[in-house]
Amino acid sequence: MIVEQRTYTVKPGAVPVYLDLYLREAMEVQKKHLPQMVGYFSTDIGPLNQIIHMWGYADLNERTRCRAALYEDPVWQAVAKKLFELIEAMETKILVPTAFSPIK
């Protein structure tokens, strides 16, 4: 398994707005196309105004297939435009579990 970690820095004060919009309009379509939500977080200490979410995939090929299907979904296309208006910066990391990680 690999884990994709996405960190979005949103406009100051926009975390509640982003999370509300995500919950109402985006979460179900994302969960329809992406295999496993590992976690969804917002920062409280450290760099503020950040939303971090993690998605598990069997491998990079599965990630590529799943994300392509998500990007083609018209529901995702509509809500992504709204979410992106709130985002100032985006960062993506692919995390590979160690041999002793509880997530394999």
PDB file of N, CA and C in Angstrom:
ATOM      1  N   MET A   1       0.840  -1.184   0.000  1.00  0.00           N
ATOM      2  CA  MET A   1       0.000   0.000   0.000  1.00  0.00           C
ATOM      3  C   MET A   1       0.880   1.240   0.000  1.00  0.00           C
ATOM      4  N   ILE A   2       0.404   2.272  -0.687  1.00  0.00           N
ATOM      5  CA  ILE A   2       1.004   3.596  -0.588  1.00  0.00           C
ATOM      6  C   ILE A   2      -0.049   4.538  -0.039  1.00  0.00           C
ATOM      7  N   VAL A   3       0.394   5.622   0.561  1.00  0.00           N
ATOM      8  CA  VAL A   3      -0.526   6.634   1.080  1.00  0.00           C
ATOM      9  C   VAL A   3      -0.183   7.963   0.426  1.00  0.00           C
ATOM     10  N   GLU A   4      -1.195   8.582  -0.149  1.00  0.00           N
ATOM     11  CA  GLU A   4      -1.039   9.925  -0.690  1.00  0.00           C
ATOM     12  C   GLU A   4      -1.468  10.915   0.384  1.00  0.00           C
ATOM     13  N   GLN A   5      -0.568  11.819   0.719  1.00  0.00           N
ATOM     14  CA  GLN A   5      -0.875  12.868   1.695  1.00  0.00           C
ATOM     15  C   GLN A   5      -0.985  14.187   0.939  1.00  0.00           C
ATOM     16  N   ARG A   6      -2.135  14.811   1.043  1.00  0.00           N
ATOM     17  CA  ARG A   6      -2.344  16.112   0.406  1.00  0.00           C
ATOM     18  C   ARG A   6      -2.525  17.155   1.491  1.00  0.00           C
ATOM     19  N   THR A   7      -1.785  18.243   1.368  1.00  0.00           N
ATOM     20  CA  THR A   7      -1.891  19.348   2.307  1.00  0.00           C
ATOM     21  C   THR A   7      -2.340  20.575   1.532  1.00  0.00           C
ATOM     22  N   TYR A   8      -3.459  21.125   1.941  1.00  0.00           N
ATOM     23  CA  TYR A   8      -3.981  22.347   1.330  1.00  0.00           C
ATOM     24  C   TYR A   8      -3.889  23.458   2.364  1.00  0.00           C
ATOM     25  N   THR A   9      -3.248  24.543   2.000  1.00  0.00           N
ATOM     26  CA  THR A   9      -3.265  25.738   2.822  1.00  0.00           C
ATOM     27  C   THR A   9      -4.382  26.612   2.252  1.00  0.00           C
ATOM     28  N   VAL A  10      -5.365  26.879   3.094  1.00  0.00           N
ATOM     29  CA  VAL A  10      -6.515  27.655   2.639  1.00  0.00           C
ATOM     30  C   VAL A  10      -6.410  29.095   3.123  1.00  0.00           C
ATOM     31  N   LYS A  11      -7.236  29.941   2.565  1.00  0.00           N
ATOM     32  CA  LYS A  11      -7.246  31.345   2.957  1.00  0.00           C
ATOM     33  C   LYS A  11      -7.530  31.448   4.457  1.00  0.00           C
ATOM     34  N   PRO A  12      -6.951  32.434   5.126  1.00  0.00           N
ATOM     35  CA  PRO A  12      -7.189  32.582   6.571  1.00  0.00           C
ATOM     36  C   PRO A  12      -8.678  32.587   6.896  1.00  0.00           C
ATOM     37  N   GLY A  13      -9.029  31.768   7.855  1.00  0.00           N
ATOM     38  CA  GLY A  13     -10.418  31.674   8.294  1.00  0.00           C
ATOM     39  C   GLY A  13     -11.299  30.769   7.448  1.00  0.00           C
ATOM     40  N   ALA A  14     -10.754  30.160   6.384  1.00  0.00           N
ATOM     41  CA  ALA A  14     -11.566  29.386   5.454  1.00  0.00           C
ATOM     42  C   ALA A  14     -11.677  27.900   5.793  1.00  0.00           C
ATOM     43  N   VAL A  15     -10.996  27.444   6.834  1.00  0.00           N
ATOM     44  CA  VAL A  15     -11.058  26.008   7.159  1.00  0.00           C
ATOM     45  C   VAL A  15     -12.498  25.547   7.379  1.00  0.00           C
ATOM     46  N   PRO A  16     -13.303  26.231   8.214  1.00  0.00           N
ATOM     47  CA  PRO A  16     -14.678  25.753   8.413  1.00  0.00           C
ATOM     48  C   PRO A  16     -15.505  25.780   7.122  1.00  0.00           C
ATOM     49  N   VAL A  17     -15.301  26.779   6.308  1.00  0.00           N
ATOM     50  CA  VAL A  17     -16.032  26.886   5.035  1.00  0.00           C
ATOM     51  C   VAL A  17     -15.644  25.733   4.118  1.00  0.00           C
ATOM     52  N   TYR A  18     -14.336  25.460   4.004  1.00  0.00           N
ATOM     53  CA  TYR A  18     -13.847  24.367   3.168  1.00  0.00           C
ATOM     54  C   TYR A  18     -14.421  23.031   3.654  1.00  0.00           C
ATOM     55  N   LEU A  19     -14.316  22.772   4.953  1.00  0.00           N
ATOM     56  CA  LEU A  19     -14.770  21.487   5.487  1.00  0.00           C
ATOM     57  C   LEU A  19     -16.269  21.303   5.311  1.00  0.00           C
ATOM     58  N   ASP A  20     -17.044  22.363   5.486  1.00  0.00           N
ATOM     59  CA  ASP A  20     -18.492  22.284   5.293  1.00  0.00           C
ATOM     60  C   ASP A  20     -18.818  21.966   3.836  1.00  0.00           C
ATOM     61  N   LEU A  21     -18.175  22.674   2.916  1.00  0.00           N
ATOM     62  CA  LEU A  21     -18.381  22.426   1.491  1.00  0.00           C
ATOM     63  C   LEU A  21     -17.957  21.012   1.119  1.00  0.00           C
ATOM     64  N   TYR A  22     -16.811  20.581   1.633  1.00  0.00           N
ATOM     65  CA  TYR A  22     -16.322  19.236   1.351  1.00  0.00           C
ATOM     66  C   TYR A  22     -17.326  18.184   1.828  1.00  0.00           C
ATOM     67  N   LEU A  23     -17.801  18.341   3.051  1.00  0.00           N
ATOM     68  CA  LEU A  23     -18.732  17.367   3.622  1.00  0.00           C
ATOM     69  C   LEU A  23     -20.044  17.325   2.839  1.00  0.00           C
ATOM     70  N   ARG A  24     -20.555  18.496   2.469  1.00  0.00           N
ATOM     71  CA  ARG A  24     -21.850  18.563   1.775  1.00  0.00           C
ATOM     72  C   ARG A  24     -21.785  18.120   0.313  1.00  0.00           C
ATOM     73  N   GLU A  25     -20.686  18.463  -0.396  1.00  0.00           N
ATOM     74  CA  GLU A  25     -20.698  18.281  -1.843  1.00  0.00           C
ATOM     75  C   GLU A  25     -19.581  17.407  -2.415  1.00  0.00           C
ATOM     76  N   ALA A  26     -18.503  17.201  -1.695  1.00  0.00           N
ATOM     77  CA  ALA A  26     -17.344  16.544  -2.309  1.00  0.00           C
ATOM     78  C   ALA A  26     -17.018  15.169  -1.745  1.00  0.00           C
ATOM     79  N   MET A  27     -17.268  14.947  -0.476  1.00  0.00           N
ATOM     80  CA  MET A  27     -16.788  13.719   0.152  1.00  0.00           C
ATOM     81  C   MET A  27     -17.347  12.465  -0.522  1.00  0.00           C
ATOM     82  N   GLU A  28     -18.625  12.432  -0.795  1.00  0.00           N
ATOM     83  CA  GLU A  28     -19.212  11.210  -1.367  1.00  0.00           C
ATOM     84  C   GLU A  28     -18.666  10.907  -2.752  1.00  0.00           C
ATOM     85  N   VAL A  29     -18.488  11.933  -3.576  1.00  0.00           N
ATOM     86  CA  VAL A  29     -17.954  11.669  -4.919  1.00  0.00           C
ATOM     87  C   VAL A  29     -16.497  11.225  -4.831  1.00  0.00           C
ATOM     88  N   GLN A  30     -15.744  11.772  -3.904  1.00  0.00           N
ATOM     89  CA  GLN A  30     -14.358  11.334  -3.744  1.00  0.00           C
ATOM     90  C   GLN A  30     -14.315   9.886  -3.254  1.00  0.00           C
ATOM     91  N   LYS A  31     -15.130   9.567  -2.275  1.00  0.00           N
ATOM     92  CA  LYS A  31     -15.148   8.208  -1.738  1.00  0.00           C
ATOM     93  C   LYS A  31     -15.653   7.195  -2.770  1.00  0.00           C
ATOM     94  N   LYS A  32     -16.444   7.664  -3.717  1.00  0.00           N
ATOM     95  CA  LYS A  32     -16.925   6.797  -4.804  1.00  0.00           C
ATOM     96  C   LYS A  32     -15.765   6.346  -5.697  1.00  0.00           C
ATOM     97  N   HIS A  33     -14.773   7.206  -5.893  1.00  0.00           N
ATOM     98  CA  HIS A  33     -13.691   6.917  -6.834  1.00  0.00           C
ATOM     99  C   HIS A  33     -12.376   6.507  -6.172  1.00  0.00           C
ATOM    100  N   LEU A  34     -12.128   6.961  -4.954  1.00  0.00           N
ATOM    101  CA  LEU A  34     -10.853   6.673  -4.289  1.00  0.00           C
ATOM    102  C   LEU A  34     -11.066   5.542  -3.284  1.00  0.00           C
ATOM    103  N   PRO A  35     -10.143   4.579  -3.241  1.00  0.00           N
ATOM    104  CA  PRO A  35     -10.414   3.342  -2.507  1.00  0.00           C
ATOM    105  C   PRO A  35     -10.459   3.447  -0.991  1.00  0.00           C
ATOM    106  N   GLN A  36      -9.593   4.244  -0.380  1.00  0.00           N
ATOM    107  CA  GLN A  36      -9.548   4.225   1.087  1.00  0.00           C
ATOM    108  C   GLN A  36      -9.117   5.576   1.658  1.00  0.00           C
ATOM    109  N   MET A  37     -10.031   6.235   2.346  1.00  0.00           N
ATOM    110  CA  MET A  37      -9.656   7.440   3.083  1.00  0.00           C
ATOM    111  C   MET A  37      -8.952   6.985   4.354  1.00  0.00           C
ATOM    112  N   VAL A  38      -7.698   7.370   4.507  1.00  0.00           N
ATOM    113  CA  VAL A  38      -6.922   7.018   5.694  1.00  0.00           C
ATOM    114  C   VAL A  38      -7.202   8.016   6.807  1.00  0.00           C
ATOM    115  N   GLY A  39      -7.386   9.285   6.446  1.00  0.00           N
ATOM    116  CA  GLY A  39      -7.685  10.306   7.446  1.00  0.00           C
ATOM    117  C   GLY A  39      -7.891  11.668   6.795  1.00  0.00           C
ATOM    118  N   TYR A  40      -8.588  12.534   7.507  1.00  0.00           N
ATOM    119  CA  TYR A  40      -8.868  13.902   7.041  1.00  0.00           C
ATOM    120  C   TYR A  40      -8.714  14.796   8.263  1.00  0.00           C
ATOM    121  N   PHE A  41      -7.857  15.800   8.183  1.00  0.00           N
ATOM    122  CA  PHE A  41      -7.476  16.583   9.359  1.00  0.00           C
ATOM    123  C   PHE A  41      -7.414  18.071   9.038  1.00  0.00           C
ATOM    124  N   SER A  42      -7.491  18.876  10.090  1.00  0.00           N
ATOM    125  CA  SER A  42      -7.149  20.298   9.982  1.00  0.00           C
ATOM    126  C   SER A  42      -6.148  20.596  11.093  1.00  0.00           C
ATOM    127  N   THR A  43      -5.299  21.590  10.847  1.00  0.00           N
ATOM    128  CA  THR A  43      -4.257  21.903  11.829  1.00  0.00           C
ATOM    129  C   THR A  43      -4.809  22.795  12.935  1.00  0.00           C
ATOM    130  N   ASP A  44      -4.261  22.597  14.137  1.00  0.00           N
ATOM    131  CA  ASP A  44      -4.643  23.390  15.300  1.00  0.00           C
ATOM    132  C   ASP A  44      -3.419  24.067  15.904  1.00  0.00           C
ATOM    133  N   ILE A  45      -2.269  23.417  15.789  1.00  0.00           N
ATOM    134  CA  ILE A  45      -0.995  23.957  16.276  1.00  0.00           C
ATOM    135  C   ILE A  45       0.007  23.781  15.143  1.00  0.00           C
ATOM    136  N   GLY A  46       0.897  24.732  14.985  1.00  0.00           N
ATOM    137  CA  GLY A  46       1.857  24.698  13.877  1.00  0.00           C
ATOM    138  C   GLY A  46       1.329  25.562  12.750  1.00  0.00           C
ATOM    139  N   PRO A  47       1.657  25.223  11.505  1.00  0.00           N
ATOM    140  CA  PRO A  47       1.131  26.010  10.383  1.00  0.00           C
ATOM    141  C   PRO A  47      -0.404  25.945  10.386  1.00  0.00           C
ATOM    142  N   LEU A  48      -1.024  27.088  10.445  1.00  0.00           N
ATOM    143  CA  LEU A  48      -2.482  27.136  10.535  1.00  0.00           C
ATOM    144  C   LEU A  48      -3.117  27.209   9.156  1.00  0.00           C
ATOM    145  N   ASN A  49      -4.434  27.105   9.150  1.00  0.00           N
ATOM    146  CA  ASN A  49      -5.221  27.176   7.909  1.00  0.00           C
ATOM    147  C   ASN A  49      -4.845  26.061   6.939  1.00  0.00           C
ATOM    148  N   GLN A  50      -4.550  24.881   7.492  1.00  0.00           N
ATOM    149  CA  GLN A  50      -4.208  23.751   6.633  1.00  0.00           C
ATOM    150  C   GLN A  50      -5.195  22.608   6.819  1.00  0.00           C
ATOM    151  N   ILE A  51      -5.453  21.956   5.718  1.00  0.00           N
ATOM    152  CA  ILE A  51      -6.264  20.744   5.691  1.00  0.00           C
ATOM    153  C   ILE A  51      -5.374  19.656   5.110  1.00  0.00           C
ATOM    154  N   ILE A  52      -5.279  18.547   5.822  1.00  0.00           N
ATOM    155  CA  ILE A  52      -4.448  17.436   5.391  1.00  0.00           C
ATOM    156  C   ILE A  52      -5.353  16.222   5.243  1.00  0.00           C
ATOM    157  N   HIS A  53      -5.293  15.585   4.086  1.00  0.00           N
ATOM    158  CA  HIS A  53      -6.042  14.344   3.921  1.00  0.00           C
ATOM    159  C   HIS A  53      -5.154  13.296   3.295  1.00  0.00           C
ATOM    160  N   MET A  54      -5.431  12.044   3.648  1.00  0.00           N
ATOM    161  CA  MET A  54      -4.612  10.923   3.213  1.00  0.00           C
ATOM    162  C   MET A  54      -5.509   9.846   2.616  1.00  0.00           C
ATOM    163  N   TRP A  55      -5.021   9.299   1.501  1.00  0.00           N
ATOM    164  CA  TRP A  55      -5.752   8.261   0.780  1.00  0.00           C
ATOM    165  C   TRP A  55      -4.829   7.078   0.526  1.00  0.00           C
ATOM    166  N   GLY A  56      -5.322   5.881   0.785  1.00  0.00           N
ATOM    167  CA  GLY A  56      -4.542   4.671   0.577  1.00  0.00           C
ATOM    168  C   GLY A  56      -4.838   4.037  -0.776  1.00  0.00           C
ATOM    169  N   TYR A  57      -3.794   3.551  -1.420  1.00  0.00           N
ATOM    170  CA  TYR A  57      -3.894   2.862  -2.705  1.00  0.00           C
ATOM    171  C   TYR A  57      -3.012   1.622  -2.665  1.00  0.00           C
ATOM    172  N   ALA A  58      -3.358   0.635  -3.464  1.00  0.00           N
ATOM    173  CA  ALA A  58      -2.521  -0.562  -3.556  1.00  0.00           C
ATOM    174  C   ALA A  58      -1.152  -0.210  -4.126  1.00  0.00           C
ATOM    175  N   ASP A  59      -1.136   0.690  -5.121  1.00  0.00           N
ATOM    176  CA  ASP A  59       0.117   1.085  -5.774  1.00  0.00           C
ATOM    177  C   ASP A  59      -0.133   2.347  -6.597  1.00  0.00           C
ATOM    178  N   LEU A  60       0.902   2.833  -7.277  1.00  0.00           N
ATOM    179  CA  LEU A  60       0.768   4.057  -8.070  1.00  0.00           C
ATOM    180  C   LEU A  60      -0.161   3.871  -9.265  1.00  0.00           C
ATOM    181  N   ASN A  61      -0.229   2.658  -9.813  1.00  0.00           N
ATOM    182  CA  ASN A  61      -1.147   2.409 -10.924  1.00  0.00           C
ATOM    183  C   ASN A  61      -2.599   2.568 -10.496  1.00  0.00           C
ATOM    184  N   GLU A  62      -2.927   2.035  -9.322  1.00  0.00           N
ATOM    185  CA  GLU A  62      -4.287   2.204  -8.822  1.00  0.00           C
ATOM    186  C   GLU A  62      -4.579   3.680  -8.571  1.00  0.00           C
ATOM    187  N   ARG A  63      -3.637   4.395  -8.009  1.00  0.00           N
ATOM    188  CA  ARG A  63      -3.816   5.829  -7.769  1.00  0.00           C
ATOM    189  C   ARG A  63      -4.112   6.564  -9.073  1.00  0.00           C
ATOM    190  N   THR A  64      -3.334   6.261 -10.107  1.00  0.00           N
ATOM    191  CA  THR A  64      -3.517   6.911 -11.406  1.00  0.00           C
ATOM    192  C   THR A  64      -4.913   6.628 -11.968  1.00  0.00           C
ATOM    193  N   ARG A  65      -5.347   5.384 -11.923  1.00  0.00           N
ATOM    194  CA  ARG A  65      -6.676   5.006 -12.431  1.00  0.00           C
ATOM    195  C   ARG A  65      -7.790   5.696 -11.643  1.00  0.00           C
ATOM    196  N   CYS A  66      -7.688   5.650 -10.326  1.00  0.00           N
ATOM    197  CA  CYS A  66      -8.740   6.208  -9.476  1.00  0.00           C
ATOM    198  C   CYS A  66      -8.843   7.717  -9.621  1.00  0.00           C
ATOM    199  N   ARG A  67      -7.719   8.388  -9.639  1.00  0.00           N
ATOM    200  CA  ARG A  67      -7.741   9.852  -9.747  1.00  0.00           C
ATOM    201  C   ARG A  67      -8.234  10.289 -11.127  1.00  0.00           C
ATOM    202  N   ALA A  68      -7.902   9.523 -12.162  1.00  0.00           N
ATOM    203  CA  ALA A  68      -8.404   9.845 -13.502  1.00  0.00           C
ATOM    204  C   ALA A  68      -9.934   9.755 -13.532  1.00  0.00           C
ATOM    205  N   ALA A  69     -10.483   8.712 -12.928  1.00  0.00           N
ATOM    206  CA  ALA A  69     -11.941   8.563 -12.875  1.00  0.00           C
ATOM    207  C   ALA A  69     -12.576   9.708 -12.080  1.00  0.00           C
ATOM    208  N   LEU A  70     -11.943  10.090 -10.974  1.00  0.00           N
ATOM    209  CA  LEU A  70     -12.448  11.209 -10.175  1.00  0.00           C
ATOM    210  C   LEU A  70     -12.467  12.485 -11.003  1.00  0.00           C
ATOM    211  N   TYR A  71     -11.366  12.788 -11.676  1.00  0.00           N
ATOM    212  CA  TYR A  71     -11.262  14.029 -12.448  1.00  0.00           C
ATOM    213  C   TYR A  71     -12.264  14.074 -13.597  1.00  0.00           C
ATOM    214  N   GLU A  72     -12.696  12.928 -14.102  1.00  0.00           N
ATOM    215  CA  GLU A  72     -13.668  12.884 -15.189  1.00  0.00           C
ATOM    216  C   GLU A  72     -15.104  13.037 -14.702  1.00  0.00           C
ATOM    217  N   ASP A  73     -15.336  12.877 -13.415  1.00  0.00           N
ATOM    218  CA  ASP A  73     -16.688  12.932 -12.871  1.00  0.00           C
ATOM    219  C   ASP A  73     -17.187  14.379 -12.872  1.00  0.00           C
ATOM    220  N   PRO A  74     -18.316  14.668 -13.534  1.00  0.00           N
ATOM    221  CA  PRO A  74     -18.821  16.042 -13.594  1.00  0.00           C
ATOM    222  C   PRO A  74     -19.177  16.617 -12.223  1.00  0.00           C
ATOM    223  N   VAL A  75     -19.600  15.779 -11.297  1.00  0.00           N
ATOM    224  CA  VAL A  75     -19.907  16.268  -9.942  1.00  0.00           C
ATOM    225  C   VAL A  75     -18.622  16.774  -9.293  1.00  0.00           C
ATOM    226  N   TRP A  76     -17.530  16.003  -9.432  1.00  0.00           N
ATOM    227  CA  TRP A  76     -16.245  16.435  -8.872  1.00  0.00           C
ATOM    228  C   TRP A  76     -15.761  17.713  -9.546  1.00  0.00           C
ATOM    229  N   GLN A  77     -15.890  17.791 -10.847  1.00  0.00           N
ATOM    230  CA  GLN A  77     -15.445  18.975 -11.573  1.00  0.00           C
ATOM    231  C   GLN A  77     -16.135  20.238 -11.056  1.00  0.00           C
ATOM    232  N   ALA A  78     -17.422  20.139 -10.776  1.00  0.00           N
ATOM    233  CA  ALA A  78     -18.174  21.306 -10.290  1.00  0.00           C
ATOM    234  C   ALA A  78     -17.751  21.702  -8.883  1.00  0.00           C
ATOM    235  N   VAL A  79     -17.625  20.731  -7.990  1.00  0.00           N
ATOM    236  CA  VAL A  79     -17.279  21.068  -6.606  1.00  0.00           C
ATOM    237  C   VAL A  79     -15.810  21.443  -6.476  1.00  0.00           C
ATOM    238  N   ALA A  80     -14.948  20.850  -7.289  1.00  0.00           N
ATOM    239  CA  ALA A  80     -13.519  21.179  -7.219  1.00  0.00           C
ATOM    240  C   ALA A  80     -13.297  22.662  -7.496  1.00  0.00           C
ATOM    241  N   LYS A  81     -14.034  23.223  -8.415  1.00  0.00           N
ATOM    242  CA  LYS A  81     -13.904  24.659  -8.707  1.00  0.00           C
ATOM    243  C   LYS A  81     -14.186  25.487  -7.455  1.00  0.00           C
ATOM    244  N   LYS A  82     -15.200  25.105  -6.708  1.00  0.00           N
ATOM    245  CA  LYS A  82     -15.552  25.833  -5.481  1.00  0.00           C
ATOM    246  C   LYS A  82     -14.470  25.670  -4.418  1.00  0.00           C
ATOM    247  N   LEU A  83     -13.975  24.438  -4.261  1.00  0.00           N
ATOM    248  CA  LEU A  83     -12.942  24.180  -3.256  1.00  0.00           C
ATOM    249  C   LEU A  83     -11.653  24.911  -3.599  1.00  0.00           C
ATOM    250  N   PHE A  84     -11.269  24.888  -4.876  1.00  0.00           N
ATOM    251  CA  PHE A  84     -10.005  25.512  -5.289  1.00  0.00           C
ATOM    252  C   PHE A  84      -9.995  27.009  -5.049  1.00  0.00           C
ATOM    253  N   GLU A  85     -11.165  27.648  -5.045  1.00  0.00           N
ATOM    254  CA  GLU A  85     -11.235  29.088  -4.762  1.00  0.00           C
ATOM    255  C   GLU A  85     -10.779  29.407  -3.341  1.00  0.00           C
ATOM    256  N   LEU A  86     -10.848  28.422  -2.451  1.00  0.00           N
ATOM    257  CA  LEU A  86     -10.474  28.621  -1.050  1.00  0.00           C
ATOM    258  C   LEU A  86      -9.007  28.287  -0.776  1.00  0.00           C
ATOM    259  N   ILE A  87      -8.340  27.629  -1.727  1.00  0.00           N
ATOM    260  CA  ILE A  87      -6.986  27.108  -1.521  1.00  0.00           C
ATOM    261  C   ILE A  87      -5.946  28.108  -2.010  1.00  0.00           C
ATOM    262  N   GLU A  88      -4.932  28.336  -1.159  1.00  0.00           N
ATOM    263  CA  GLU A  88      -3.808  29.201  -1.538  1.00  0.00           C
ATOM    264  C   GLU A  88      -2.587  28.399  -1.991  1.00  0.00           C
ATOM    265  N   ALA A  89      -2.388  27.205  -1.427  1.00  0.00           N
ATOM    266  CA  ALA A  89      -1.235  26.370  -1.784  1.00  0.00           C
ATOM    267  C   ALA A  89      -1.622  24.899  -1.616  1.00  0.00           C
ATOM    268  N   MET A  90      -0.994  24.049  -2.444  1.00  0.00           N
ATOM    269  CA  MET A  90      -1.255  22.612  -2.398  1.00  0.00           C
ATOM    270  C   MET A  90       0.077  21.864  -2.409  1.00  0.00           C
ATOM    271  N   GLU A  91       0.128  20.779  -1.650  1.00  0.00           N
ATOM    272  CA  GLU A  91       1.318  19.925  -1.634  1.00  0.00           C
ATOM    273  C   GLU A  91       0.861  18.479  -1.587  1.00  0.00           C
ATOM    274  N   THR A  92       1.483  17.639  -2.384  1.00  0.00           N
ATOM    275  CA  THR A  92       1.166  16.216  -2.395  1.00  0.00           C
ATOM    276  C   THR A  92       2.433  15.416  -2.135  1.00  0.00           C
ATOM    277  N   LYS A  93       2.313  14.410  -1.267  1.00  0.00           N
ATOM    278  CA  LYS A  93       3.419  13.492  -0.993  1.00  0.00           C
ATOM    279  C   LYS A  93       2.889  12.075  -1.147  1.00  0.00           C
ATOM    280  N   ILE A  94       3.731  11.203  -1.658  1.00  0.00           N
ATOM    281  CA  ILE A  94       3.429   9.775  -1.673  1.00  0.00           C
ATOM    282  C   ILE A  94       4.263   9.144  -0.566  1.00  0.00           C
ATOM    283  N   LEU A  95       3.596   8.518   0.375  1.00  0.00           N
ATOM    284  CA  LEU A  95       4.253   7.894   1.527  1.00  0.00           C
ATOM    285  C   LEU A  95       4.271   6.379   1.322  1.00  0.00           C
ATOM    286  N   VAL A  96       5.425   5.793   1.540  1.00  0.00           N
ATOM    287  CA  VAL A  96       5.606   4.356   1.418  1.00  0.00           C
ATOM    288  C   VAL A  96       5.820   3.814   2.821  1.00  0.00           C
ATOM    289  N   PRO A  97       5.004   2.851   3.269  1.00  0.00           N
ATOM    290  CA  PRO A  97       5.154   2.353   4.636  1.00  0.00           C
ATOM    291  C   PRO A  97       6.452   1.589   4.845  1.00  0.00           C
ATOM    292  N   THR A  98       6.986   1.724   6.032  1.00  0.00           N
ATOM    293  CA  THR A  98       8.172   0.960   6.421  1.00  0.00           C
ATOM    294  C   THR A  98       7.753  -0.492   6.697  1.00  0.00           C
ATOM    295  N   ALA A  99       8.714  -1.340   6.862  1.00  0.00           N
ATOM    296  CA  ALA A  99       8.446  -2.759   7.130  1.00  0.00           C
ATOM    297  C   ALA A  99       7.673  -2.952   8.434  1.00  0.00           C
ATOM    298  N   PHE A 100       7.809  -2.026   9.382  1.00  0.00           N
ATOM    299  CA  PHE A 100       7.156  -2.179  10.671  1.00  0.00           C
ATOM    300  C   PHE A 100       5.929  -1.284  10.841  1.00  0.00           C
ATOM    301  N   SER A 101       5.488  -0.644   9.783  1.00  0.00           N
ATOM    302  CA  SER A 101       4.321   0.238   9.844  1.00  0.00           C
ATOM    303  C   SER A 101       3.049  -0.583  10.061  1.00  0.00           C
ATOM    304  N   PRO A 102       2.118  -0.093  10.889  1.00  0.00           N
ATOM    305  CA  PRO A 102       0.834  -0.808  11.039  1.00  0.00           C
ATOM    306  C   PRO A 102       0.000  -0.750   9.759  1.00  0.00           C
ATOM    307  N   ILE A 103       0.275   0.218   8.894  1.00  0.00           N
ATOM    308  CA  ILE A 103      -0.366   0.280   7.589  1.00  0.00           C
ATOM    309  C   ILE A 103       0.603  -0.335   6.593  1.00  0.00           C
ATOM    310  N   LYS A 104       0.206  -1.371   5.915  1.00  0.00           N
ATOM    311  CA  LYS A 104       1.116  -2.076   4.985  1.00  0.00           C
ATOM    312  C   LYS A 104       0.694  -1.847   3.565  1.00  0.00           C
TER     313      LYS A 104
END
